[in-house]
Amino acid sequence: MKQLDTKLIRQKAMDYLARREHSRRELEVKLVRKFPDSNELGSVLDALAADGLQSDRRFTGSFIRLRVQGGFGPQRIRAELRQRGICDALIIEQFAEQDVDWFAAAHALFLKKYAGMVFDDPRQRSKCIRYLQYKGYDLEHINALF
């Protein structure tokens, strides 16, 4: 029975990983929902990581690239990675590896959303600032736009 559980859990985990990269925590949460009474989850996750099928480093790099393409800023991306169980050291390492120009990313988002708008009205300017903060850009990036 134990061997069968391990095999089923590993197969389901590989199904999830075939669709997209997952952090260890994300994968664990999904597997706990699917196999709530299993004691084998930890060993299966360890084996997947040892086999190179699941990697928090690979997930983090992929996630950062995906979110930057979606117009999200560094603060929001860091928060989302922490929610997915990624440690701060790995987040810092992967941010350095990605080498994103956050000012250019903020500028591209600004142009996409607010191209041709004049910000004479303080309410309109505040709305734009709140939107950029919501997307994860800090005031340094936002102030450089105005």
C-alpha atoms as a PDB file:
ATOM      1  CA  MET A   1       0.000   0.000   0.000  1.00  0.00           C
ATOM      2  CA  LYS A   2       2.836   2.391   0.884  1.00  0.00           C
ATOM      3  CA  GLN A   3       4.572   1.791  -2.460  1.00  0.00           C
ATOM      4  CA  LEU A   4       1.304   2.376  -4.311  1.00  0.00           C
ATOM      5  CA  ASP A   5       0.684   5.653  -2.418  1.00  0.00           C
ATOM      6  CA  THR A   6       4.155   6.902  -3.252  1.00  0.00           C
ATOM      7  CA  LYS A   7       3.740   6.019  -6.906  1.00  0.00           C
ATOM      8  CA  LEU A   8       0.326   7.747  -7.160  1.00  0.00           C
ATOM      9  CA  ILE A   9       1.561  10.848  -5.363  1.00  0.00           C
ATOM     10  CA  ARG A  10       4.650  11.086  -7.544  1.00  0.00           C
ATOM     11  CA  GLN A  11       2.573  10.638 -10.692  1.00  0.00           C
ATOM     12  CA  LYS A  12       0.137  13.393  -9.655  1.00  0.00           C
ATOM     13  CA  ALA A  13       3.016  15.710  -8.730  1.00  0.00           C
ATOM     14  CA  MET A  14       4.599  15.120 -12.122  1.00  0.00           C
ATOM     15  CA  ASP A  15       1.255  15.902 -13.771  1.00  0.00           C
ATOM     16  CA  TYR A  16       1.229  19.274 -11.994  1.00  0.00           C
ATOM     17  CA  LEU A  17       4.866  19.939 -12.907  1.00  0.00           C
ATOM     18  CA  ALA A  18       4.231  19.065 -16.562  1.00  0.00           C
ATOM     19  CA  ARG A  19       1.801  21.978 -16.793  1.00  0.00           C
ATOM     20  CA  ARG A  20       4.081  24.593 -15.210  1.00  0.00           C
ATOM     21  CA  GLU A  21       6.835  25.069 -12.642  1.00  0.00           C
ATOM     22  CA  HIS A  22       5.686  24.920  -9.018  1.00  0.00           C
ATOM     23  CA  SER A  23       7.390  25.894  -5.800  1.00  0.00           C
ATOM     24  CA  ARG A  24       7.726  23.132  -3.245  1.00  0.00           C
ATOM     25  CA  ARG A  25       5.041  24.735  -1.072  1.00  0.00           C
ATOM     26  CA  GLU A  26       2.577  25.086  -3.973  1.00  0.00           C
ATOM     27  CA  LEU A  27       3.087  21.469  -4.929  1.00  0.00           C
ATOM     28  CA  GLU A  28       2.726  20.332  -1.332  1.00  0.00           C
ATOM     29  CA  VAL A  29      -0.558  22.242  -0.903  1.00  0.00           C
ATOM     30  CA  LYS A  30      -1.996  20.712  -4.069  1.00  0.00           C
ATOM     31  CA  LEU A  31      -0.908  17.215  -3.098  1.00  0.00           C
ATOM     32  CA  VAL A  32      -2.273  17.542   0.444  1.00  0.00           C
ATOM     33  CA  ARG A  33      -5.671  18.401  -1.043  1.00  0.00           C
ATOM     34  CA  LYS A  34      -5.481  15.365  -3.310  1.00  0.00           C
ATOM     35  CA  PHE A  35      -3.975  12.943  -0.743  1.00  0.00           C
ATOM     36  CA  PRO A  36      -4.963  14.302   2.702  1.00  0.00           C
ATOM     37  CA  ASP A  37      -4.101  11.184   4.731  1.00  0.00           C
ATOM     38  CA  SER A  38      -0.757  10.352   3.146  1.00  0.00           C
ATOM     39  CA  ASN A  39       2.474  10.363   5.138  1.00  0.00           C
ATOM     40  CA  GLU A  40       4.563  10.036   1.966  1.00  0.00           C
ATOM     41  CA  LEU A  41       4.319  13.626   0.677  1.00  0.00           C
ATOM     42  CA  GLY A  42       7.609  14.828   2.144  1.00  0.00           C
ATOM     43  CA  SER A  43       9.613  11.929   0.773  1.00  0.00           C
ATOM     44  CA  VAL A  44       8.007  12.265  -2.675  1.00  0.00           C
ATOM     45  CA  LEU A  45       8.780  16.011  -2.773  1.00  0.00           C
ATOM     46  CA  ASP A  46      12.360  15.345  -1.670  1.00  0.00           C
ATOM     47  CA  ALA A  47      12.749  12.728  -4.417  1.00  0.00           C
ATOM     48  CA  LEU A  48      11.338  15.086  -7.067  1.00  0.00           C
ATOM     49  CA  ALA A  49      13.793  17.791  -6.027  1.00  0.00           C
ATOM     50  CA  ALA A  50      16.690  15.303  -5.999  1.00  0.00           C
ATOM     51  CA  ASP A  51      15.739  14.135  -9.502  1.00  0.00           C
ATOM     52  CA  GLY A  52      15.665  17.747 -10.721  1.00  0.00           C
ATOM     53  CA  LEU A  53      11.965  17.644 -11.549  1.00  0.00           C
ATOM     54  CA  GLN A  54      11.037  20.283  -8.983  1.00  0.00           C
ATOM     55  CA  SER A  55      13.304  23.228  -8.288  1.00  0.00           C
ATOM     56  CA  ASP A  56      12.498  26.357  -6.297  1.00  0.00           C
ATOM     57  CA  ARG A  57      15.381  28.125  -8.072  1.00  0.00           C
ATOM     58  CA  ARG A  58      13.981  27.335 -11.513  1.00  0.00           C
ATOM     59  CA  PHE A  59      10.451  28.227 -10.376  1.00  0.00           C
ATOM     60  CA  THR A  60      11.616  31.581  -9.000  1.00  0.00           C
ATOM     61  CA  GLY A  61      13.411  32.587 -12.197  1.00  0.00           C
ATOM     62  CA  SER A  62      10.467  31.559 -14.336  1.00  0.00           C
ATOM     63  CA  PHE A  63       7.979  33.321 -12.058  1.00  0.00           C
ATOM     64  CA  ILE A  64       9.958  36.578 -12.092  1.00  0.00           C
ATOM     65  CA  ARG A  65      10.186  36.594 -15.896  1.00  0.00           C
ATOM     66  CA  LEU A  66       6.480  35.847 -16.239  1.00  0.00           C
ATOM     67  CA  ARG A  67       5.425  38.584 -13.824  1.00  0.00           C
ATOM     68  CA  VAL A  68       7.757  41.195 -15.349  1.00  0.00           C
ATOM     69  CA  GLN A  69       6.173  40.464 -18.735  1.00  0.00           C
ATOM     70  CA  GLY A  70       2.802  41.010 -17.062  1.00  0.00           C
ATOM     71  CA  GLY A  71       3.838  44.504 -15.983  1.00  0.00           C
ATOM     72  CA  PHE A  72       4.361  43.768 -12.304  1.00  0.00           C
ATOM     73  CA  GLY A  73       6.987  45.512 -10.205  1.00  0.00           C
ATOM     74  CA  PRO A  74       9.586  44.187  -7.787  1.00  0.00           C
ATOM     75  CA  GLN A  75       7.628  44.691  -4.577  1.00  0.00           C
ATOM     76  CA  ARG A  76       4.611  42.746  -5.784  1.00  0.00           C
ATOM     77  CA  ILE A  77       6.730  39.962  -7.259  1.00  0.00           C
ATOM     78  CA  ARG A  78       8.704  39.562  -4.021  1.00  0.00           C
ATOM     79  CA  ALA A  79       5.481  39.380  -1.988  1.00  0.00           C
ATOM     80  CA  GLU A  80       3.992  36.766  -4.314  1.00  0.00           C
ATOM     81  CA  LEU A  81       7.151  34.656  -4.147  1.00  0.00           C
ATOM     82  CA  ARG A  82       7.114  34.766  -0.340  1.00  0.00           C
ATOM     83  CA  GLN A  83       3.483  33.609  -0.407  1.00  0.00           C
ATOM     84  CA  ARG A  84       4.602  30.656  -2.509  1.00  0.00           C
ATOM     85  CA  GLY A  85       7.213  29.645   0.060  1.00  0.00           C
ATOM     86  CA  ILE A  86      10.371  31.005  -1.552  1.00  0.00           C
ATOM     87  CA  CYS A  87      13.037  32.174   0.914  1.00  0.00           C
ATOM     88  CA  ASP A  88      14.363  35.730   0.792  1.00  0.00           C
ATOM     89  CA  ALA A  89      17.917  34.628  -0.073  1.00  0.00           C
ATOM     90  CA  LEU A  90      16.712  32.834  -3.199  1.00  0.00           C
ATOM     91  CA  ILE A  91      14.506  35.782  -4.154  1.00  0.00           C
ATOM     92  CA  ILE A  92      17.453  38.184  -3.898  1.00  0.00           C
ATOM     93  CA  GLU A  93      19.685  35.822  -5.884  1.00  0.00           C
ATOM     94  CA  GLN A  94      17.158  35.384  -8.686  1.00  0.00           C
ATOM     95  CA  PHE A  95      16.373  39.099  -8.881  1.00  0.00           C
ATOM     96  CA  ALA A  96      20.087  39.754  -9.366  1.00  0.00           C
ATOM     97  CA  GLU A  97      20.296  37.054 -12.063  1.00  0.00           C
ATOM     98  CA  GLN A  98      17.288  38.399 -13.988  1.00  0.00           C
ATOM     99  CA  ASP A  99      18.843  41.861 -14.252  1.00  0.00           C
ATOM    100  CA  VAL A 100      15.571  43.696 -14.952  1.00  0.00           C
ATOM    101  CA  ASP A 101      15.532  47.444 -15.650  1.00  0.00           C
ATOM    102  CA  TRP A 102      12.643  48.335 -13.342  1.00  0.00           C
ATOM    103  CA  PHE A 103      12.549  51.947 -14.513  1.00  0.00           C
ATOM    104  CA  ALA A 104      12.074  50.795 -18.106  1.00  0.00           C
ATOM    105  CA  ALA A 105       9.437  48.265 -17.029  1.00  0.00           C
ATOM    106  CA  ALA A 106       7.538  50.947 -15.083  1.00  0.00           C
ATOM    107  CA  HIS A 107       7.801  53.297 -18.063  1.00  0.00           C
ATOM    108  CA  ALA A 108       6.451  50.644 -20.452  1.00  0.00           C
ATOM    109  CA  LEU A 109       3.498  49.961 -18.150  1.00  0.00           C
ATOM    110  CA  PHE A 110       2.881  53.695 -17.771  1.00  0.00           C
ATOM    111  CA  LEU A 111       2.843  54.190 -21.545  1.00  0.00           C
ATOM    112  CA  LYS A 112       0.572  51.189 -22.067  1.00  0.00           C
ATOM    113  CA  LYS A 113      -1.981  52.371 -19.516  1.00  0.00           C
ATOM    114  CA  TYR A 114      -1.703  56.160 -19.657  1.00  0.00           C
ATOM    115  CA  ALA A 115      -0.332  57.030 -23.117  1.00  0.00           C
ATOM    116  CA  GLY A 116      -1.215  60.572 -24.134  1.00  0.00           C
ATOM    117  CA  MET A 117      -2.814  61.544 -20.823  1.00  0.00           C
ATOM    118  CA  VAL A 118      -2.032  64.877 -19.210  1.00  0.00           C
ATOM    119  CA  PHE A 119      -1.742  64.811 -15.453  1.00  0.00           C
ATOM    120  CA  ASP A 120      -2.790  68.367 -14.596  1.00  0.00           C
ATOM    121  CA  ASP A 121      -5.546  67.086 -12.327  1.00  0.00           C
ATOM    122  CA  PRO A 122      -4.125  65.900  -8.964  1.00  0.00           C
ATOM    123  CA  ARG A 123      -6.828  63.221  -8.688  1.00  0.00           C
ATOM    124  CA  GLN A 124      -5.840  61.719 -12.027  1.00  0.00           C
ATOM    125  CA  ARG A 125      -2.179  61.776 -11.017  1.00  0.00           C
ATOM    126  CA  SER A 126      -3.012  60.113  -7.668  1.00  0.00           C
ATOM    127  CA  LYS A 127      -5.000  57.428  -9.463  1.00  0.00           C
ATOM    128  CA  CYS A 128      -2.022  56.693 -11.705  1.00  0.00           C
ATOM    129  CA  ILE A 129       0.346  56.534  -8.721  1.00  0.00           C
ATOM    130  CA  ARG A 130      -1.969  54.159  -6.844  1.00  0.00           C
ATOM    131  CA  TYR A 131      -2.197  51.913  -9.906  1.00  0.00           C
ATOM    132  CA  LEU A 132       1.580  51.739 -10.262  1.00  0.00           C
ATOM    133  CA  GLN A 133       1.947  51.005  -6.541  1.00  0.00           C
ATOM    134  CA  TYR A 134      -0.675  48.269  -6.826  1.00  0.00           C
ATOM    135  CA  LYS A 135       1.348  46.737  -9.662  1.00  0.00           C
ATOM    136  CA  GLY A 136       4.375  46.649  -7.333  1.00  0.00           C
ATOM    137  CA  TYR A 137       6.522  49.643  -8.223  1.00  0.00           C
ATOM    138  CA  ASP A 138       8.000  51.749  -5.453  1.00  0.00           C
ATOM    139  CA  LEU A 139       7.964  55.537  -5.309  1.00  0.00           C
ATOM    140  CA  GLU A 140      11.472  55.811  -6.746  1.00  0.00           C
ATOM    141  CA  HIS A 141      10.298  54.173  -9.980  1.00  0.00           C
ATOM    142  CA  ILE A 142       7.036  56.109 -10.016  1.00  0.00           C
ATOM    143  CA  ASN A 143       8.602  59.511  -9.348  1.00  0.00           C
ATOM    144  CA  ALA A 144      11.027  58.952 -12.230  1.00  0.00           C
ATOM    145  CA  LEU A 145       8.007  58.802 -14.560  1.00  0.00           C
ATOM    146  CA  PHE A 146       6.671  62.228 -13.627  1.00  0.00           C
END
